[in-house]
Amino acid sequence: MIREKSIVRQVSLAAMLIALGVILAPMLWFPFLTTKAYPGQHAINVLAGVLLGPLWAAFIAFCIGVIRMGLGIGTIYSMPGGIPGGVVVGIFYYLFKKFKIKYPEIAAFTEPIGTVIIGGTLALFLVAPLIGDVRLIGIPLLIFWTGWAISSIPGCIMGFVLVEALKLAGITRETFRE
């Protein structure tokens, strides 16, 4: 019975984060080359990674990306851009908790590692050539990373602030595991 309640809570939170990610998308975004940058997605990645874990964060980012593409407000770059960010946050949060780091919520600031370094590299060297996006082929990696960091860094800061506010309200990862 207890396990069933935690699964219902996790699925409910995942659904709310997916809805929030889709709703925020047209409100807060900017174009960067042939991609679209969504700082709200990075905040959602932080919330998902901290509150639910890396697998849930990947699932949530994937769903948001698919829905945004289906609505015509997203691009294929949401997959390498969104998924690694949430996964990295979830892994670091887990590790920080395991090694008893006093403030594991600082895992929020690892989101750019996943989004910018891992996701940006995959997008530029794997996705762009696969889909034939010639406008990105030949762009220096550092320029591409910079553009994605302009979205990811403010997003992870927003996510950190939200995680801290939820923590003050008594809502933590353990809330969804009970």
Protein backbone atom coordinates (compact mmCIF):
# COMPACT_ATOMS: atom_id res chain seq x y z
CA MET A 1 0.00 0.00 0.00
CA ILE A 2 2.78 2.44 0.90
CA ARG A 3 4.65 1.67 -2.34
CA GLU A 4 1.48 2.25 -4.38
CA LYS A 5 1.04 5.68 -2.79
CA SER A 6 4.61 6.68 -3.62
CA ILE A 7 4.20 5.58 -7.25
CA VAL A 8 0.99 7.59 -7.55
CA ARG A 9 2.78 10.63 -6.08
CA GLN A 10 5.71 10.21 -8.47
CA VAL A 11 3.50 9.83 -11.53
CA SER A 12 1.40 12.82 -10.44
CA LEU A 13 4.46 15.01 -9.98
CA ALA A 14 5.87 13.85 -13.32
CA ALA A 15 2.60 14.75 -15.06
CA MET A 16 2.58 18.18 -13.40
CA LEU A 17 6.19 18.85 -14.39
CA ILE A 18 5.48 17.80 -17.99
CA ALA A 19 2.47 20.11 -18.13
CA LEU A 20 4.44 22.95 -16.57
CA GLY A 21 7.29 22.42 -19.04
CA VAL A 22 4.92 22.60 -21.99
CA ILE A 23 3.08 25.64 -20.61
CA LEU A 24 6.28 27.57 -19.87
CA ALA A 25 7.77 26.90 -23.31
CA PRO A 26 5.98 29.59 -25.35
CA MET A 27 6.27 32.10 -22.51
CA LEU A 28 10.01 32.05 -21.99
CA TRP A 29 12.27 31.15 -24.90
CA PHE A 30 14.67 32.63 -27.41
CA PRO A 31 16.09 31.42 -30.71
CA PHE A 32 19.75 30.44 -30.94
CA LEU A 33 20.99 29.58 -34.43
CA THR A 34 18.60 26.80 -35.54
CA THR A 35 17.70 25.76 -31.98
CA LYS A 36 15.28 27.20 -29.44
CA ALA A 37 16.43 27.85 -25.90
CA TYR A 38 13.99 27.29 -23.04
CA PRO A 39 15.32 28.33 -19.59
CA GLY A 40 12.13 26.92 -18.06
CA GLN A 41 13.10 23.46 -19.29
CA HIS A 42 16.30 23.63 -17.29
CA ALA A 43 14.36 24.60 -14.16
CA ILE A 44 12.07 21.60 -14.76
CA ASN A 45 15.17 19.40 -15.20
CA VAL A 46 16.39 20.53 -11.78
CA LEU A 47 13.03 19.89 -10.12
CA ALA A 48 12.71 16.46 -11.74
CA GLY A 49 16.29 15.44 -11.00
CA VAL A 50 16.14 16.49 -7.36
CA LEU A 51 12.58 15.41 -6.52
CA LEU A 52 12.26 12.24 -8.61
CA GLY A 53 15.69 11.12 -9.81
CA PRO A 54 17.57 10.71 -13.09
CA LEU A 55 15.28 8.24 -14.87
CA TRP A 56 12.16 10.25 -14.15
CA ALA A 57 14.01 13.43 -15.19
CA ALA A 58 14.93 11.83 -18.54
CA PHE A 59 11.34 10.68 -19.07
CA ILE A 60 9.93 14.12 -18.22
CA ALA A 61 12.37 15.95 -20.53
CA PHE A 62 11.62 13.48 -23.33
CA CYS A 63 7.84 13.96 -22.95
CA ILE A 64 8.13 17.75 -22.87
CA GLY A 65 10.32 17.69 -25.98
CA VAL A 66 7.96 15.41 -27.91
CA ILE A 67 4.92 17.51 -26.98
CA ARG A 68 6.67 20.77 -27.88
CA MET A 69 7.74 19.34 -31.24
CA GLY A 70 4.20 18.09 -31.83
CA LEU A 71 2.84 21.56 -31.12
CA GLY A 72 5.43 23.15 -33.41
CA ILE A 73 7.09 25.13 -30.61
CA GLY A 74 10.13 22.88 -30.18
CA THR A 75 12.93 21.35 -32.18
CA ILE A 76 14.66 17.97 -32.31
CA TYR A 77 17.44 19.57 -30.28
CA SER A 78 15.23 19.29 -27.18
CA MET A 79 16.24 15.63 -26.92
CA PRO A 80 20.02 16.02 -26.57
CA GLY A 81 19.46 19.35 -24.83
CA GLY A 82 16.92 18.46 -22.17
CA ILE A 83 17.46 14.83 -21.29
CA PRO A 84 21.13 14.87 -20.17
CA GLY A 85 20.59 17.93 -17.94
CA GLY A 86 17.96 16.26 -15.77
CA VAL A 87 19.88 12.99 -15.67
CA VAL A 88 23.06 14.69 -14.47
CA VAL A 89 21.18 16.60 -11.75
CA GLY A 90 19.50 13.39 -10.58
CA ILE A 91 22.79 11.48 -10.45
CA PHE A 92 24.63 14.24 -8.60
CA TYR A 93 21.76 14.69 -6.12
CA TYR A 94 21.85 10.95 -5.41
CA LEU A 95 25.63 11.01 -4.95
CA PHE A 96 25.52 14.09 -2.74
CA LYS A 97 22.90 12.41 -0.53
CA LYS A 98 24.86 9.16 -0.44
CA PHE A 99 28.07 10.89 0.62
CA LYS A 100 26.14 13.05 3.10
CA ILE A 101 26.92 16.41 1.50
CA LYS A 102 25.24 19.00 3.72
CA TYR A 103 23.29 20.69 0.91
CA PRO A 104 22.58 18.09 -1.81
CA GLU A 105 20.32 20.62 -3.54
CA ILE A 106 23.44 22.22 -5.02
CA ALA A 107 23.17 19.40 -7.56
CA ALA A 108 20.93 21.91 -9.36
CA PHE A 109 24.06 23.67 -10.56
CA THR A 110 25.25 20.56 -12.39
CA GLU A 111 22.43 20.89 -14.92
CA PRO A 112 24.64 22.81 -17.40
CA ILE A 113 27.12 19.91 -17.40
CA GLY A 114 24.41 17.69 -18.85
CA THR A 115 22.73 20.24 -21.07
CA VAL A 116 25.64 22.30 -22.34
CA ILE A 117 28.60 19.96 -22.40
CA ILE A 118 26.94 16.59 -23.03
CA GLY A 119 23.77 17.74 -24.81
CA GLY A 120 25.39 20.55 -26.77
CA THR A 121 28.14 18.27 -28.00
CA LEU A 122 25.67 15.56 -29.03
CA ALA A 123 23.46 18.11 -30.76
CA LEU A 124 26.26 19.67 -32.75
CA PHE A 125 28.20 16.56 -33.72
CA LEU A 126 25.48 13.90 -33.88
CA VAL A 127 21.98 15.36 -34.31
CA ALA A 128 22.80 18.25 -36.68
CA PRO A 129 24.62 16.02 -39.21
CA LEU A 130 21.95 13.29 -38.90
CA ILE A 131 19.13 15.66 -39.78
CA GLY A 132 21.22 17.57 -42.32
CA ASP A 133 21.19 20.92 -40.48
CA VAL A 134 23.96 22.48 -42.56
CA ARG A 135 23.59 25.81 -40.75
CA LEU A 136 25.11 24.23 -37.62
CA ILE A 137 27.76 22.09 -39.27
CA GLY A 138 31.06 23.88 -38.91
CA ILE A 139 30.02 26.07 -35.97
CA PRO A 140 32.78 26.02 -33.31
CA LEU A 141 31.74 23.96 -30.28
CA LEU A 142 32.56 26.76 -27.81
CA ILE A 143 30.15 29.14 -29.56
CA PHE A 144 27.43 26.49 -29.47
CA TRP A 145 28.08 25.77 -25.80
CA THR A 146 27.92 29.49 -25.00
CA GLY A 147 24.49 29.84 -26.57
CA TRP A 148 23.15 26.87 -24.67
CA ALA A 149 24.75 28.07 -21.42
CA ILE A 150 22.87 31.37 -21.76
CA SER A 151 19.68 29.31 -21.38
CA SER A 152 20.89 26.59 -19.02
CA ILE A 153 22.53 28.69 -16.33
CA PRO A 154 19.55 30.97 -15.58
CA GLY A 155 17.29 27.90 -15.76
CA CYS A 156 19.29 25.95 -13.21
CA ILE A 157 19.32 28.98 -10.91
CA MET A 158 15.52 29.22 -11.18
CA GLY A 159 15.32 25.49 -10.49
CA PHE A 160 17.55 25.82 -7.42
CA VAL A 161 15.38 28.64 -6.05
CA LEU A 162 12.27 26.51 -6.60
CA VAL A 163 13.86 23.46 -4.94
CA GLU A 164 14.82 25.59 -1.93
CA ALA A 165 11.29 27.04 -1.71
CA LEU A 166 9.80 23.54 -1.85
CA LYS A 167 12.29 22.37 0.79
CA LEU A 168 11.13 25.20 3.09
CA ALA A 169 7.56 24.01 2.49
CA GLY A 170 8.59 20.48 3.50
CA ILE A 171 8.53 19.01 0.01
CA THR A 172 11.63 16.92 -0.75
CA ARG A 173 12.49 13.75 -2.64
CA GLU A 174 11.47 11.77 0.45
CA THR A 175 7.94 13.21 0.10
CA PHE A 176 7.55 11.16 -3.06
CA ARG A 177 9.17 8.00 -1.67
CA GLU A 178 6.95 7.51 1.40
